[in-house]
C-alpha atoms as a PDB file:
ATOM      1  CA  MET A   1      89.592 124.227-153.704  1.00  0.00           C
ATOM      2  CA  LEU A   2      92.388 126.147-155.393  1.00  0.00           C
ATOM      3  CA  VAL A   3      92.416 129.943-155.507  1.00  0.00           C
ATOM      4  CA  GLU A   4      94.148 131.010-158.708  1.00  0.00           C
ATOM      5  CA  ALA A   5      97.166 133.281-158.277  1.00  0.00           C
ATOM      6  CA  GLU A   6      99.446 135.119-160.638  1.00  0.00           C
ATOM      7  CA  PRO A   7     103.089 134.006-160.904  1.00  0.00           C
ATOM      8  CA  GLY A   8     105.053 135.137-157.862  1.00  0.00           C
ATOM      9  CA  GLU A   9     101.993 135.242-155.604  1.00  0.00           C
ATOM     10  CA  PRO A  10     101.447 132.684-152.836  1.00  0.00           C
ATOM     11  CA  PHE A  11      99.626 129.429-153.431  1.00  0.00           C
ATOM     12  CA  VAL A  12      96.322 129.568-151.547  1.00  0.00           C
ATOM     13  CA  TYR A  13      94.130 126.538-150.957  1.00  0.00           C
ATOM     14  CA  CYS A  14      90.609 126.944-149.542  1.00  0.00           C
ATOM     15  CA  PHE A  15      89.190 123.975-147.614  1.00  0.00           C
ATOM     16  CA  LYS A  16      85.607 123.221-148.579  1.00  0.00           C
ATOM     17  CA  PRO A  17      83.086 122.528-145.783  1.00  0.00           C
ATOM     18  CA  PRO A  18      82.032 118.889-145.341  1.00  0.00           C
ATOM     19  CA  LEU A  19      78.785 117.708-146.922  1.00  0.00           C
ATOM     20  CA  VAL A  20      77.067 117.426-143.528  1.00  0.00           C
ATOM     21  CA  ARG A  21      77.506 121.172-142.939  1.00  0.00           C
ATOM     22  CA  ARG A  22      75.475 121.755-146.073  1.00  0.00           C
ATOM     23  CA  VAL A  23      72.766 119.191-145.526  1.00  0.00           C
ATOM     24  CA  VAL A  24      71.919 120.090-141.906  1.00  0.00           C
ATOM     25  CA  PRO A  25      71.122 123.797-142.602  1.00  0.00           C
ATOM     26  CA  LEU A  26      69.161 122.850-145.723  1.00  0.00           C
ATOM     27  CA  ALA A  27      67.198 120.228-143.756  1.00  0.00           C
ATOM     28  CA  TYR A  28      66.441 122.838-141.078  1.00  0.00           C
ATOM     29  CA  LEU A  29      65.261 125.293-143.746  1.00  0.00           C
ATOM     30  CA  SER A  30      63.037 122.618-145.292  1.00  0.00           C
ATOM     31  CA  PHE A  31      61.492 121.927-141.894  1.00  0.00           C
ATOM     32  CA  CYS A  32      60.802 125.631-141.276  1.00  0.00           C
ATOM     33  CA  LEU A  33      59.189 126.003-144.699  1.00  0.00           C
ATOM     34  CA  LEU A  34      57.044 122.921-144.082  1.00  0.00           C
ATOM     35  CA  CYS A  35      55.861 124.419-140.778  1.00  0.00           C
ATOM     36  CA  VAL A  36      54.951 127.684-142.475  1.00  0.00           C
ATOM     37  CA  ALA A  37      53.091 125.782-145.205  1.00  0.00           C
ATOM     38  CA  TYR A  38      51.325 123.574-142.656  1.00  0.00           C
ATOM     39  CA  LEU A  39      49.893 126.343-140.466  1.00  0.00           C
ATOM     40  CA  PRO A  40      47.526 127.770-143.125  1.00  0.00           C
ATOM     41  CA  LEU A  41      46.284 124.234-143.834  1.00  0.00           C
ATOM     42  CA  LYS A  42      45.731 123.645-140.116  1.00  0.00           C
ATOM     43  CA  VAL A  43      43.779 126.809-139.296  1.00  0.00           C
ATOM     44  CA  GLY A  44      42.527 127.699-142.774  1.00  0.00           C
ATOM     45  CA  VAL A  45      44.130 130.064-145.272  1.00  0.00           C
ATOM     46  CA  ASN A  46      41.676 132.926-144.684  1.00  0.00           C
ATOM     47  CA  ARG A  47      41.920 132.642-140.901  1.00  0.00           C
ATOM     48  CA  PHE A  48      45.717 132.474-141.088  1.00  0.00           C
ATOM     49  CA  PHE A  49      46.044 135.734-143.031  1.00  0.00           C
ATOM     50  CA  GLU A  50      43.371 137.419-140.886  1.00  0.00           C
ATOM     51  CA  VAL A  51      45.466 136.705-137.800  1.00  0.00           C
ATOM     52  CA  LEU A  52      48.612 137.941-139.453  1.00  0.00           C
ATOM     53  CA  GLY A  53      47.094 141.067-140.956  1.00  0.00           C
ATOM     54  CA  ASN A  54      48.882 143.128-143.580  1.00  0.00           C
ATOM     55  CA  ASP A  55      51.870 144.012-141.389  1.00  0.00           C
ATOM     56  CA  GLY A  56      52.189 140.445-140.133  1.00  0.00           C
ATOM     57  CA  SER A  57      52.305 139.089-143.680  1.00  0.00           C
ATOM     58  CA  LEU A  58      55.083 141.529-144.525  1.00  0.00           C
ATOM     59  CA  TYR A  59      57.092 140.591-141.439  1.00  0.00           C
ATOM     60  CA  LEU A  60      56.640 136.890-142.204  1.00  0.00           C
ATOM     61  CA  ALA A  61      57.843 137.340-145.784  1.00  0.00           C
ATOM     62  CA  VAL A  62      60.867 139.385-144.684  1.00  0.00           C
ATOM     63  CA  GLY A  63      61.687 136.840-141.980  1.00  0.00           C
ATOM     64  CA  LEU A  64      61.494 133.926-144.411  1.00  0.00           C
ATOM     65  CA  LEU A  65      63.710 135.708-146.945  1.00  0.00           C
ATOM     66  CA  ALA A  66      66.261 136.489-144.234  1.00  0.00           C
ATOM     67  CA  LEU A  67      66.197 132.873-143.035  1.00  0.00           C
ATOM     68  CA  ILE A  68      66.648 131.538-146.578  1.00  0.00           C
ATOM     69  CA  ALA A  69      69.569 133.902-147.217  1.00  0.00           C
ATOM     70  CA  LEU A  70      71.243 132.948-143.919  1.00  0.00           C
ATOM     71  CA  VAL A  71      70.853 129.203-144.471  1.00  0.00           C
ATOM     72  CA  LEU A  72      72.120 129.382-148.058  1.00  0.00           C
ATOM     73  CA  ARG A  73      75.178 131.305-146.884  1.00  0.00           C
ATOM     74  CA  LEU A  74      75.844 128.670-144.198  1.00  0.00           C
ATOM     75  CA  ALA A  75      75.369 125.806-146.665  1.00  0.00           C
ATOM     76  CA  PHE A  76      77.349 127.396-149.516  1.00  0.00           C
ATOM     77  CA  PRO A  77      79.867 129.747-147.889  1.00  0.00           C
ATOM     78  CA  PRO A  78      81.952 131.994-150.199  1.00  0.00           C
ATOM     79  CA  GLN A  79      85.673 131.378-150.467  1.00  0.00           C
ATOM     80  CA  SER A  80      86.381 134.427-148.317  1.00  0.00           C
ATOM     81  CA  THR A  81      84.801 132.659-145.310  1.00  0.00           C
ATOM     82  CA  GLN A  82      86.573 129.311-145.747  1.00  0.00           C
ATOM     83  CA  PRO A  83      89.751 128.322-143.888  1.00  0.00           C
ATOM     84  CA  LYS A  84      92.844 128.641-146.081  1.00  0.00           C
ATOM     85  CA  LEU A  85      96.345 127.278-146.354  1.00  0.00           C
ATOM     86  CA  GLN A  86      98.668 129.964-147.751  1.00  0.00           C
ATOM     87  CA  VAL A  87     102.035 128.772-149.028  1.00  0.00           C
ATOM     88  CA  ARG A  88     105.029 130.968-149.920  1.00  0.00           C
ATOM     89  CA  HIS A  89     108.513 129.818-150.821  1.00  0.00           C
ATOM     90  CA  ASN A  90     109.777 130.627-147.297  1.00  0.00           C
ATOM     91  CA  ASN A  91     106.709 130.146-145.040  1.00  0.00           C
ATOM     92  CA  ILE A  92     103.358 128.404-144.707  1.00  0.00           C
ATOM     93  CA  SER A  93     100.315 129.913-142.972  1.00  0.00           C
ATOM     94  CA  PHE A  94      96.950 128.483-141.926  1.00  0.00           C
ATOM     95  CA  ILE A  95      94.176 131.113-141.818  1.00  0.00           C
ATOM     96  CA  PRO A  96      90.965 129.990-140.015  1.00  0.00           C
ATOM     97  CA  GLY A  97      87.583 131.161-141.269  1.00  0.00           C
ATOM     98  CA  PRO A  98      86.088 134.424-139.935  1.00  0.00           C
ATOM     99  CA  ILE A  99      83.775 132.627-137.473  1.00  0.00           C
ATOM    100  CA  ALA A 100      86.672 130.674-135.962  1.00  0.00           C
ATOM    101  CA  ARG A 101      88.809 133.825-135.755  1.00  0.00           C
ATOM    102  CA  HIS A 102      86.246 136.253-134.348  1.00  0.00           C
ATOM    103  CA  ILE A 103      84.024 134.005-132.198  1.00  0.00           C
ATOM    104  CA  PHE A 104      86.415 131.259-131.064  1.00  0.00           C
ATOM    105  CA  ALA A 105      89.540 133.474-131.155  1.00  0.00           C
ATOM    106  CA  GLU A 106      91.519 131.015-133.261  1.00  0.00           C
ATOM    107  CA  PRO A 107      94.654 132.812-134.481  1.00  0.00           C
ATOM    108  CA  THR A 108      96.381 132.611-137.825  1.00  0.00           C
ATOM    109  CA  ILE A 109      99.388 130.325-137.410  1.00  0.00           C
ATOM    110  CA  GLU A 110     102.551 130.455-139.469  1.00  0.00           C
ATOM    111  CA  ALA A 111     105.740 128.431-139.794  1.00  0.00           C
ATOM    112  CA  THR A 112     108.910 129.394-141.606  1.00  0.00           C
ATOM    113  CA  VAL A 113     110.321 127.096-144.274  1.00  0.00           C
ATOM    114  CA  PRO A 114     114.071 127.142-143.471  1.00  0.00           C
ATOM    115  CA  PRO A 115     116.663 126.855-146.252  1.00  0.00           C
ATOM    116  CA  GLN A 116     117.723 123.431-144.961  1.00  0.00           C
ATOM    117  CA  ALA A 117     114.139 122.000-145.057  1.00  0.00           C
ATOM    118  CA  ARG A 118     114.024 118.713-146.922  1.00  0.00           C
ATOM    119  CA  GLU A 119     110.334 117.702-147.015  1.00  0.00           C
ATOM    120  CA  ILE A 120     106.772 118.745-146.162  1.00  0.00           C
ATOM    121  CA  LEU A 121     104.279 116.323-144.630  1.00  0.00           C
ATOM    122  CA  VAL A 122     100.495 116.638-144.660  1.00  0.00           C
ATOM    123  CA  CYS A 123      99.373 114.368-141.811  1.00  0.00           C
ATOM    124  CA  ARG A 124      96.209 112.892-140.354  1.00  0.00           C
ATOM    125  CA  ASN A 125      97.020 112.495-136.663  1.00  0.00           C
ATOM    126  CA  PHE A 126      95.815 110.008-134.058  1.00  0.00           C
ATOM    127  CA  LEU A 127      96.435 109.527-130.342  1.00  0.00           C
ATOM    128  CA  GLU A 128      96.237 105.747-130.208  1.00  0.00           C
ATOM    129  CA  GLU A 129      92.801 105.245-131.859  1.00  0.00           C
ATOM    130  CA  LEU A 130      91.457 108.771-131.268  1.00  0.00           C
ATOM    131  CA  PRO A 131      91.542 111.349-134.109  1.00  0.00           C
ATOM    132  CA  ASP A 132      93.783 114.302-133.254  1.00  0.00           C
ATOM    133  CA  GLY A 133      93.245 116.628-136.208  1.00  0.00           C
ATOM    134  CA  ASP A 134      95.364 117.204-139.292  1.00  0.00           C
ATOM    135  CA  SER A 135      98.589 119.126-139.646  1.00  0.00           C
ATOM    136  CA  VAL A 136     101.275 120.336-142.026  1.00  0.00           C
ATOM    137  CA  ILE A 137     104.806 119.515-140.877  1.00  0.00           C
ATOM    138  CA  ILE A 138     107.978 121.080-142.262  1.00  0.00           C
ATOM    139  CA  LEU A 139     110.828 118.607-141.876  1.00  0.00           C
ATOM    140  CA  SER A 140     114.410 119.795-141.422  1.00  0.00           C
ATOM    141  CA  PRO A 141     117.462 117.718-140.454  1.00  0.00           C
ATOM    142  CA  ASP A 142     117.327 118.986-136.859  1.00  0.00           C
ATOM    143  CA  GLU A 143     113.656 119.880-136.206  1.00  0.00           C
ATOM    144  CA  GLU A 144     109.978 119.617-137.137  1.00  0.00           C
ATOM    145  CA  ARG A 145     107.749 122.676-137.504  1.00  0.00           C
ATOM    146  CA  GLU A 146     104.057 121.791-137.250  1.00  0.00           C
ATOM    147  CA  LEU A 147     100.918 123.731-138.186  1.00  0.00           C
ATOM    148  CA  LYS A 148      97.639 122.352-136.856  1.00  0.00           C
ATOM    149  CA  ILE A 149      94.903 122.806-139.468  1.00  0.00           C
ATOM    150  CA  GLY A 150      91.918 121.145-137.783  1.00  0.00           C
ATOM    151  CA  TYR A 151      90.104 118.387-139.679  1.00  0.00           C
ATOM    152  CA  ILE A 152      90.183 118.537-143.469  1.00  0.00           C
ATOM    153  CA  ARG A 153      88.206 116.514-145.983  1.00  0.00           C
ATOM    154  CA  LEU A 154      89.938 115.927-149.304  1.00  0.00           C
ATOM    155  CA  ASP A 155      89.439 113.588-152.228  1.00  0.00           C
ATOM    156  CA  THR A 156      92.172 112.238-154.491  1.00  0.00           C
ATOM    157  CA  GLN A 157      91.978 115.132-156.952  1.00  0.00           C
ATOM    158  CA  GLU A 158      92.136 117.714-154.170  1.00  0.00           C
ATOM    159  CA  LEU A 159      95.140 116.015-152.603  1.00  0.00           C
ATOM    160  CA  LYS A 160      96.862 116.180-155.985  1.00  0.00           C
ATOM    161  CA  ILE A 161      96.119 119.904-156.362  1.00  0.00           C
ATOM    162  CA  LEU A 162      97.347 120.608-152.831  1.00  0.00           C
ATOM    163  CA  SER A 163     100.506 118.550-153.324  1.00  0.00           C
ATOM    164  CA  GLU A 164     101.387 120.121-156.681  1.00  0.00           C
ATOM    165  CA  GLY A 165     100.766 123.627-155.353  1.00  0.00           C
ATOM    166  CA  ILE A 166     103.001 123.155-152.308  1.00  0.00           C
ATOM    167  CA  GLU A 167     105.763 121.510-154.348  1.00  0.00           C
ATOM    168  CA  ALA A 168     105.705 124.193-157.052  1.00  0.00           C
ATOM    169  CA  THR A 169     105.830 127.036-154.494  1.00  0.00           C
ATOM    170  CA  THR A 170     108.392 125.685-152.022  1.00  0.00           C
ATOM    171  CA  GLY A 171     110.397 123.380-154.260  1.00  0.00           C
ATOM    172  CA  LEU A 172     110.102 120.623-151.626  1.00  0.00           C
ATOM    173  CA  PRO A 173     108.576 117.138-151.990  1.00  0.00           C
ATOM    174  CA  VAL A 174     105.256 116.478-150.238  1.00  0.00           C
ATOM    175  CA  GLN A 175     104.109 113.307-148.496  1.00  0.00           C
ATOM    176  CA  PHE A 176     100.647 112.474-147.131  1.00  0.00           C
ATOM    177  CA  LEU A 177     100.873 110.333-143.990  1.00  0.00           C
ATOM    178  CA  VAL A 178      98.774 108.951-141.153  1.00  0.00           C
ATOM    179  CA  ARG A 179     100.655 109.555-137.908  1.00  0.00           C
ATOM    180  CA  ARG A 180      99.665 107.569-134.842  1.00  0.00           C
ATOM    181  CA  ARG A 181     101.180 108.508-131.487  1.00  0.00           C
ATOM    182  CA  LEU A 182     101.302 105.436-129.256  1.00  0.00           C
ATOM    183  CA  ALA A 183     101.157 105.218-125.463  1.00  0.00           C
ATOM    184  CA  SER A 184     104.873 104.464-125.404  1.00  0.00           C
ATOM    185  CA  GLY A 185     105.571 107.874-126.948  1.00  0.00           C
ATOM    186  CA  SER A 186     106.678 106.485-130.304  1.00  0.00           C
ATOM    187  CA  VAL A 187     105.108 107.634-133.568  1.00  0.00           C
ATOM    188  CA  GLN A 188     103.862 105.173-136.164  1.00  0.00           C
ATOM    189  CA  GLU A 189     103.645 106.461-139.751  1.00  0.00           C
ATOM    190  CA  THR A 190     101.691 104.897-142.613  1.00  0.00           C
ATOM    191  CA  PRO A 191     100.729 106.286-146.039  1.00  0.00           C
ATOM    192  CA  TRP A 192      97.525 108.334-146.130  1.00  0.00           C
ATOM    193  CA  VAL A 193      95.604 106.336-148.746  1.00  0.00           C
ATOM    194  CA  LEU A 194      92.200 107.628-149.786  1.00  0.00           C
ATOM    195  CA  PRO A 195      89.462 105.176-150.792  1.00  0.00           C
ATOM    196  CA  ALA A 196      88.509 104.773-154.436  1.00  0.00           C
ATOM    197  CA  ALA A 197      85.988 107.249-155.852  1.00  0.00           C
ATOM    198  CA  LYS A 198      83.080 104.794-155.592  1.00  0.00           C
ATOM    199  CA  THR A 199      83.990 103.820-152.022  1.00  0.00           C
ATOM    200  CA  HIS A 200      84.443 107.504-151.133  1.00  0.00           C
ATOM    201  CA  ALA A 201      80.938 108.268-152.423  1.00  0.00           C
ATOM    202  CA  VAL A 202      79.414 105.355-150.472  1.00  0.00           C
ATOM    203  CA  ARG A 203      81.177 106.455-147.288  1.00  0.00           C
ATOM    204  CA  GLY A 204      79.994 110.025-147.867  1.00  0.00           C
ATOM    205  CA  VAL A 205      76.372 108.903-148.111  1.00  0.00           C
ATOM    206  CA  ALA A 206      76.851 106.706-145.027  1.00  0.00           C
ATOM    207  CA  ALA A 207      78.348 109.597-143.034  1.00  0.00           C
ATOM    208  CA  LEU A 208      75.472 111.829-144.092  1.00  0.00           C
ATOM    209  CA  ALA A 209      72.946 109.203-143.000  1.00  0.00           C
ATOM    210  CA  ILE A 210      74.640 108.868-139.609  1.00  0.00           C
ATOM    211  CA  ALA A 211      74.429 112.629-139.069  1.00  0.00           C
ATOM    212  CA  VAL A 212      70.885 113.407-140.228  1.00  0.00           C
ATOM    213  CA  LEU A 213      68.907 110.169-139.767  1.00  0.00           C
ATOM    214  CA  PRO A 214      67.731 110.820-136.166  1.00  0.00           C
ATOM    215  CA  TYR A 215      66.608 114.355-137.020  1.00  0.00           C
ATOM    216  CA  ILE A 216      64.855 113.498-140.295  1.00  0.00           C
ATOM    217  CA  GLY A 217      63.192 110.494-138.667  1.00  0.00           C
ATOM    218  CA  GLY A 218      62.188 112.457-135.574  1.00  0.00           C
ATOM    219  CA  ILE A 219      60.740 115.326-137.610  1.00  0.00           C
ATOM    220  CA  THR A 220      58.734 112.916-139.782  1.00  0.00           C
ATOM    221  CA  VAL A 221      57.392 110.905-136.853  1.00  0.00           C
ATOM    222  CA  GLY A 222      56.605 114.061-134.889  1.00  0.00           C
ATOM    223  CA  TYR A 223      54.715 115.463-137.882  1.00  0.00           C
ATOM    224  CA  VAL A 224      52.566 112.321-138.153  1.00  0.00           C
ATOM    225  CA  SER A 225      52.312 112.150-134.324  1.00  0.00           C
ATOM    226  CA  PRO A 226      51.516 108.431-133.855  1.00  0.00           C
ATOM    227  CA  ARG A 227      51.187 106.459-130.621  1.00  0.00           C
ATOM    228  CA  ALA A 228      54.133 106.017-128.281  1.00  0.00           C
ATOM    229  CA  ALA A 229      54.584 102.367-129.293  1.00  0.00           C
ATOM    230  CA  ILE A 230      54.984 103.356-132.937  1.00  0.00           C
ATOM    231  CA  ILE A 231      57.456 106.124-132.003  1.00  0.00           C
ATOM    232  CA  VAL A 232      59.619 103.558-130.169  1.00  0.00           C
ATOM    233  CA  THR A 233      59.333 100.974-132.972  1.00  0.00           C
ATOM    234  CA  VAL A 234      60.259 103.448-135.705  1.00  0.00           C
ATOM    235  CA  GLY A 235      63.103 104.827-133.582  1.00  0.00           C
ATOM    236  CA  SER A 236      64.529 101.338-133.038  1.00  0.00           C
ATOM    237  CA  ALA A 237      64.372 100.594-136.761  1.00  0.00           C
ATOM    238  CA  LEU A 238      66.083 103.887-137.610  1.00  0.00           C
ATOM    239  CA  TRP A 239      68.803 103.219-135.028  1.00  0.00           C
ATOM    240  CA  LEU A 240      69.503  99.848-136.660  1.00  0.00           C
ATOM    241  CA  CYS A 241      69.713 101.642-140.025  1.00  0.00           C
ATOM    242  CA  GLN A 242      72.178 104.082-138.503  1.00  0.00           C
ATOM    243  CA  MET A 243      74.289 101.155-137.264  1.00  0.00           C
ATOM    244  CA  LEU A 244      74.343  99.692-140.781  1.00  0.00           C
ATOM    245  CA  ALA A 245      75.390 103.096-142.121  1.00  0.00           C
ATOM    246  CA  TYR A 246      78.156 103.296-139.515  1.00  0.00           C
ATOM    247  CA  TYR A 247      79.573  99.886-140.422  1.00  0.00           C
ATOM    248  CA  SER A 248      79.439 100.839-144.115  1.00  0.00           C
ATOM    249  CA  PHE A 249      81.358 104.009-143.264  1.00  0.00           C
ATOM    250  CA  ALA A 250      83.954 102.184-141.165  1.00  0.00           C
ATOM    251  CA  ARG A 251      84.437  99.314-143.601  1.00  0.00           C
ATOM    252  CA  GLY A 252      87.893  99.339-145.093  1.00  0.00           C
ATOM    253  CA  GLN A 253      89.272 102.032-142.787  1.00  0.00           C
ATOM    254  CA  ARG A 254      92.737 101.472-141.407  1.00  0.00           C
ATOM    255  CA  THR A 255      91.629 102.803-138.042  1.00  0.00           C
ATOM    256  CA  LYS A 256      89.543 100.310-136.093  1.00  0.00           C
ATOM    257  CA  ASN A 257      87.434 100.977-133.057  1.00  0.00           C
ATOM    258  CA  LYS A 258      89.334  99.707-130.021  1.00  0.00           C
ATOM    259  CA  TYR A 259      86.082  98.807-128.228  1.00  0.00           C
ATOM    260  CA  PRO A 260      83.644  97.860-131.032  1.00  0.00           C
ATOM    261  CA  SER A 261      81.072  96.346-128.662  1.00  0.00           C
ATOM    262  CA  LEU A 262      80.660  99.647-126.780  1.00  0.00           C
ATOM    263  CA  TYR A 263      79.958 101.769-129.853  1.00  0.00           C
ATOM    264  CA  PRO A 264      76.350 100.578-130.478  1.00  0.00           C
ATOM    265  CA  LEU A 265      75.517 101.247-126.802  1.00  0.00           C
ATOM    266  CA  THR A 266      76.987 104.749-127.049  1.00  0.00           C
ATOM    267  CA  THR A 267      75.071 105.594-130.219  1.00  0.00           C
ATOM    268  CA  LEU A 268      71.859 104.255-128.697  1.00  0.00           C
ATOM    269  CA  PHE A 269      71.913 107.119-126.182  1.00  0.00           C
ATOM    270  CA  THR A 270      73.020 109.811-128.651  1.00  0.00           C
ATOM    271  CA  PHE A 271      70.538 108.661-131.300  1.00  0.00           C
ATOM    272  CA  GLY A 272      67.737 108.416-128.733  1.00  0.00           C
ATOM    273  CA  ALA A 273      68.388 111.941-127.464  1.00  0.00           C
ATOM    274  CA  ALA A 274      68.424 113.464-130.960  1.00  0.00           C
ATOM    275  CA  TYR A 275      65.453 111.440-132.220  1.00  0.00           C
ATOM    276  CA  GLY A 276      63.357 111.953-129.086  1.00  0.00           C
ATOM    277  CA  SER A 277      64.026 115.706-129.035  1.00  0.00           C
ATOM    278  CA  ALA A 278      63.025 116.065-132.682  1.00  0.00           C
ATOM    279  CA  VAL A 279      59.805 114.079-132.139  1.00  0.00           C
ATOM    280  CA  ALA A 280      58.858 116.054-129.017  1.00  0.00           C
ATOM    281  CA  ILE A 281      59.575 119.495-130.492  1.00  0.00           C
ATOM    282  CA  VAL A 282      57.745 118.853-133.761  1.00  0.00           C
ATOM    283  CA  ALA A 283      54.764 117.137-132.112  1.00  0.00           C
ATOM    284  CA  PHE A 284      54.382 119.941-129.549  1.00  0.00           C
ATOM    285  CA  THR A 285      54.739 122.674-132.201  1.00  0.00           C
ATOM    286  CA  LEU A 286      52.280 121.209-134.669  1.00  0.00           C
ATOM    287  CA  HIS A 287      49.871 119.269-132.448  1.00  0.00           C
ATOM    288  CA  GLY A 288      50.147 121.051-129.122  1.00  0.00           C
ATOM    289  CA  ARG A 289      51.279 118.020-127.149  1.00  0.00           C
END
């Protein structure tokens, strides 16, 4: 996301949060609202408001409004809370968001663009097959100056905006690369090619399904509260759906899993923990067991 600036001011690019960071808070809010709506139906509307009383109803309304405001701010953060890349003709700075700065003590990092600089790289980094964050590298004949910028999610249009902004401000060409550091210490560079718009959308939906499927499934099953055999059967079916979503997400990526046979076993444990926790918490909250 580009922040407009007057001529002579720095180019500032705000990195939007990934889709998952929006969906998870909204799903949590939906669950809380469903619980609040379910309780009056469970105990009776009159009985519910008798227990709350006048003051209790006011506190509940204030609490719900505060929760809604907090979740909406987390799901749709203003630009002032988003991490930024600030580019001037002689330096580049990465400014983390307020939460990263104040809670995790992540500092603002800056690198000078020397007069002899010849190119700027925006890189997706890997250690062998493991993701190692993204970075901006200022290339000079005798050195590299690197700024680590975490993990960014950009589409083709956003890459174009970022590239044009950096080039116009610094006067240097920009390349987008995938850099893979091998065990031998050498660095392998390949072009950072984004998938087509349709493929990008499919992978986005697949990534979202991978993230939220165990929680949505667990909440739903816990709400219905069936027998243990049905909980296991539904969980197994949802895990298989998650595997299909994973393979849809990974399809066409340049980076391949070095141990593909181990990944389903790993996700079986992580999915089971998330799904089982959601079922247990919801079933205990709503059904007292």
